């Protein structure tokens, strides 16, 4: 199966988890059925300068970000660190995270959420 770019569902989320601004999410799959019940998100997310995804917890699932362009400030359970192109973050169940775009260029990442 091939999903063409014009077939993707694109969503705009305002103040995601209480963060400033909005993010754009391009769902690369349509639902968790395409992940065989193993997860619920596989998406290309854009975070514009001044915007972010607020700190939130994962319980019963885990989230991975692959940063492919831009630069961000990543909140890893309260520890702030800078992430940039090529970095991968992992948030296991029972832990929390958030991210915000740093600089003048958008932060582009792939987000994958898998169930425990």
Protein backbone atom coordinates (compact mmCIF):
# COMPACT_ATOMS: atom_id res chain seq x y z
CA UNK A 1 0.00 0.00 0.00
CA UNK A 2 1.14 3.54 -0.70
CA UNK A 3 -0.34 6.60 0.92
CA UNK A 4 0.23 9.68 -1.21
CA UNK A 5 0.91 13.02 0.46
CA UNK A 6 -2.44 14.41 -0.70
CA UNK A 7 -4.21 11.54 1.12
CA UNK A 8 -2.87 12.43 4.58
CA UNK A 9 -5.07 13.86 7.28
CA UNK A 10 -3.60 17.19 8.42
CA UNK A 11 -4.56 18.62 11.80
CA UNK A 12 -3.79 21.90 13.53
CA UNK A 13 -3.63 21.71 17.32
CA UNK A 14 -3.84 25.00 19.25
CA UNK A 15 -2.01 25.26 22.60
CA UNK A 16 -1.18 21.52 22.64
CA UNK A 17 -0.94 20.49 26.30
CA UNK A 18 -0.97 24.18 27.30
CA UNK A 19 1.96 25.29 25.13
CA UNK A 20 2.15 28.56 23.22
CA UNK A 21 0.94 28.70 19.62
CA UNK A 22 -0.02 25.72 17.52
CA UNK A 23 1.46 22.65 15.84
CA UNK A 24 0.65 21.04 12.51
CA UNK A 25 0.32 17.27 12.49
CA UNK A 26 0.39 15.29 9.26
CA UNK A 27 -0.84 11.81 10.13
CA UNK A 28 1.25 9.28 8.23
CA UNK A 29 -1.22 6.55 9.20
CA UNK A 30 -4.96 6.93 9.63
CA UNK A 31 -5.61 5.02 12.84
CA UNK A 32 -4.11 2.50 15.20
CA UNK A 33 -5.45 -0.32 13.01
CA UNK A 34 -2.61 0.39 10.61
CA UNK A 35 -0.22 -0.15 13.54
CA UNK A 36 -1.92 -3.52 14.24
CA UNK A 37 -3.13 -2.32 17.65
CA UNK A 38 0.48 -1.69 18.77
CA UNK A 39 0.25 2.11 18.75
CA UNK A 40 -1.82 5.18 17.97
CA UNK A 41 0.38 7.86 16.38
CA UNK A 42 2.85 7.93 13.52
CA UNK A 43 2.99 11.53 12.33
CA UNK A 44 5.11 14.31 10.85
CA UNK A 45 4.78 17.27 13.21
CA UNK A 46 5.80 20.88 12.56
CA UNK A 47 6.40 23.23 15.49
CA UNK A 48 6.84 26.86 14.41
CA UNK A 49 9.13 29.35 16.17
CA UNK A 50 7.58 30.46 19.45
CA UNK A 51 5.33 27.37 19.57
CA UNK A 52 5.53 24.06 21.37
CA UNK A 53 3.98 20.90 22.73
CA UNK A 54 3.45 21.31 26.47
CA UNK A 55 4.70 18.93 29.12
CA UNK A 56 2.54 15.82 29.40
CA UNK A 57 2.75 12.33 30.87
CA UNK A 58 2.61 8.96 29.12
CA UNK A 59 0.84 6.13 30.91
CA UNK A 60 0.38 2.83 29.13
CA UNK A 61 2.26 4.03 26.07
CA UNK A 62 5.62 5.45 25.04
CA UNK A 63 6.58 8.18 22.58
CA UNK A 64 9.57 8.58 20.32
CA UNK A 65 10.51 11.80 18.49
CA UNK A 66 12.93 11.82 15.58
CA UNK A 67 14.02 15.40 14.88
CA UNK A 68 14.82 15.85 11.21
CA UNK A 69 15.20 19.62 11.03
CA UNK A 70 15.30 22.66 13.24
CA UNK A 71 16.21 23.00 16.88
CA UNK A 72 14.16 22.62 20.04
CA UNK A 73 14.21 22.73 23.80
CA UNK A 74 13.16 19.30 25.05
CA UNK A 75 11.74 18.81 28.53
CA UNK A 76 12.69 15.29 29.64
CA UNK A 77 10.91 14.78 32.98
CA UNK A 78 11.79 18.32 34.06
CA UNK A 79 15.34 18.28 32.66
CA UNK A 80 15.70 20.77 29.79
CA UNK A 81 18.06 20.00 26.94
CA UNK A 82 18.53 21.11 23.35
CA UNK A 83 17.66 18.75 20.49
CA UNK A 84 18.40 19.19 16.79
CA UNK A 85 18.35 17.36 13.47
CA UNK A 86 19.33 13.71 13.85
CA UNK A 87 18.43 13.47 17.55
CA UNK A 88 15.95 10.89 18.86
CA UNK A 89 14.05 11.21 22.14
CA UNK A 90 12.30 8.40 24.01
CA UNK A 91 9.65 8.83 26.70
CA UNK A 92 8.63 5.57 28.38
CA UNK A 93 5.34 4.92 30.16
CA UNK A 94 5.23 6.68 33.53
CA UNK A 95 7.38 9.59 32.31
CA UNK A 96 6.66 12.97 30.81
CA UNK A 97 8.01 15.31 28.16
CA UNK A 98 7.40 18.46 26.14
CA UNK A 99 9.18 20.39 23.40
CA UNK A 100 9.30 23.90 21.99
CA UNK A 101 10.90 25.33 18.89
CA UNK A 102 14.08 27.37 19.32
CA UNK A 103 15.39 29.81 16.75
CA UNK A 104 13.87 31.17 13.55
CA UNK A 105 13.31 27.90 11.65
CA UNK A 106 10.45 25.43 12.22
CA UNK A 107 11.16 22.29 14.23
CA UNK A 108 10.21 19.22 12.17
CA UNK A 109 9.86 15.83 13.82
CA UNK A 110 8.37 12.40 13.41
CA UNK A 111 6.31 11.28 16.42
CA UNK A 112 5.57 7.62 17.13
CA UNK A 113 3.41 6.49 20.05
CA UNK A 114 3.42 2.77 20.84
CA UNK A 115 1.34 0.96 23.48
CA UNK A 116 2.96 -0.88 26.39
